[in-house]
Amino acid sequence: QFLRVTKQYLPHVARLCLISTFLEDGIRMWFQWSEQRDYIDGTWNCGYFLASIFVFLNLFGQLGGCILVLSRNFVQYACFGLFGIIALQTIAYSILWDLKFLMR
């Protein structure tokens, strides 16, 4: 009985659970824009403009990918985009060499 009632909602909930990390990170970037920009500028010494472009690309890539996955439009491209964001963050935030973070 329960499955009959919730069967139409479960795929949406499952998709939301799968993209929740990207959604949270994108929303956090929106509210911590200046901190993220300053961190990238301080780490890479690339200037405010390039740091802002990076944060915007990160924000747009994550939130845009989440919206596309939830709306079931271009899901394959959205997943590739989210994977690209992971690769970009791995390089930009020097996560690749942080063994404790990678093990988590």
Protein backbone atom coordinates (compact mmCIF):
# COMPACT_ATOMS: atom_id res chain seq x y z
CA GLN A 1 0.00 0.00 0.00
CA PHE A 2 2.80 2.40 0.95
CA LEU A 3 4.73 1.73 -2.27
CA ARG A 4 1.65 2.33 -4.39
CA VAL A 5 1.20 5.76 -2.84
CA THR A 6 4.86 6.82 -2.93
CA LYS A 7 5.96 5.14 -6.17
CA GLN A 8 5.63 8.31 -8.24
CA TYR A 9 7.66 10.39 -5.78
CA LEU A 10 10.55 8.01 -5.13
CA PRO A 11 12.51 8.76 -8.36
CA HIS A 12 12.43 12.48 -7.54
CA VAL A 13 13.56 11.88 -3.97
CA ALA A 14 16.34 9.57 -5.18
CA ARG A 15 17.60 12.17 -7.65
CA LEU A 16 17.49 14.84 -4.95
CA CYS A 17 19.54 12.63 -2.63
CA LEU A 18 22.11 11.96 -5.36
CA ILE A 19 22.67 15.64 -6.17
CA SER A 20 22.25 17.00 -2.63
CA THR A 21 25.99 17.59 -2.14
CA PHE A 22 26.20 19.66 -5.33
CA LEU A 23 23.06 21.57 -4.41
CA GLU A 24 24.35 22.38 -0.94
CA ASP A 25 27.76 23.42 -2.25
CA GLY A 26 26.21 25.64 -4.93
CA ILE A 27 23.92 27.37 -2.43
CA ARG A 28 26.83 27.83 -0.01
CA MET A 29 28.89 29.38 -2.81
CA TRP A 30 26.06 31.80 -3.51
CA PHE A 31 26.03 32.98 0.12
CA GLN A 32 29.83 32.89 0.58
CA TRP A 33 30.75 34.44 -2.75
CA SER A 34 33.38 36.84 -1.44
CA GLU A 35 35.02 34.25 0.82
CA GLN A 36 35.28 31.75 -2.05
CA ARG A 37 36.65 34.41 -4.42
CA ASP A 38 39.20 35.59 -1.85
CA TYR A 39 40.32 32.02 -1.17
CA ILE A 40 40.90 31.27 -4.87
CA ASP A 41 42.64 34.60 -5.35
CA GLY A 42 44.84 34.02 -2.30
CA THR A 43 45.69 30.45 -3.27
CA TRP A 44 46.37 30.97 -6.98
CA ASN A 45 47.22 34.73 -7.04
CA CYS A 46 45.07 35.08 -10.15
CA GLY A 47 43.27 38.35 -9.31
CA TYR A 48 39.68 39.05 -8.41
CA PHE A 49 38.40 38.81 -11.98
CA LEU A 50 39.68 35.29 -12.67
CA ALA A 51 38.76 34.16 -9.16
CA SER A 52 35.23 35.51 -9.69
CA ILE A 53 35.01 33.71 -13.05
CA PHE A 54 36.07 30.47 -11.37
CA VAL A 55 33.52 30.83 -8.55
CA PHE A 56 30.79 31.74 -11.06
CA LEU A 57 31.65 28.73 -13.23
CA ASN A 58 31.60 26.51 -10.17
CA LEU A 59 28.30 27.95 -8.94
CA PHE A 60 26.60 27.84 -12.33
CA GLY A 61 27.92 24.37 -13.11
CA GLN A 62 26.67 22.91 -9.85
CA LEU A 63 23.27 24.57 -9.67
CA GLY A 64 22.67 24.21 -13.41
CA GLY A 65 23.59 20.53 -13.30
CA CYS A 66 21.30 19.98 -10.32
CA ILE A 67 18.39 21.67 -12.04
CA LEU A 68 18.91 19.63 -15.20
CA VAL A 69 19.11 16.35 -13.28
CA LEU A 70 16.00 17.13 -11.23
CA SER A 71 14.04 18.21 -14.29
CA ARG A 72 15.21 15.12 -16.23
CA ASN A 73 16.50 17.23 -19.11
CA PHE A 74 19.91 16.44 -20.63
CA VAL A 75 20.73 14.24 -17.62
CA GLN A 76 23.77 12.65 -19.24
CA TYR A 77 25.31 16.05 -20.07
CA ALA A 78 24.45 17.36 -16.61
CA CYS A 79 26.24 14.40 -15.01
CA PHE A 80 29.28 14.97 -17.21
CA GLY A 81 29.20 18.63 -16.17
CA LEU A 82 29.01 17.75 -12.48
CA PHE A 83 31.90 15.32 -12.93
CA GLY A 84 33.85 18.16 -14.57
CA ILE A 85 33.11 20.38 -11.58
CA ILE A 86 34.53 17.67 -9.30
CA ALA A 87 37.70 17.52 -11.39
CA LEU A 88 37.97 21.33 -11.43
CA GLN A 89 37.53 21.56 -7.66
CA THR A 90 40.07 18.81 -7.11
CA ILE A 91 42.69 20.89 -8.88
CA ALA A 92 41.63 24.35 -7.69
CA TYR A 93 41.28 23.50 -4.01
CA SER A 94 44.35 21.20 -3.96
CA ILE A 95 42.24 18.27 -2.82
CA LEU A 96 44.26 15.81 -4.87
CA TRP A 97 47.10 15.83 -2.36
CA ASP A 98 44.92 15.77 0.78
CA LEU A 99 44.91 12.06 1.58
CA LYS A 100 42.48 12.34 4.51
CA PHE A 101 39.92 14.14 2.34
CA LEU A 102 40.32 11.65 -0.50
CA MET A 103 39.88 8.71 1.84
CA ARG A 104 36.58 10.14 3.08
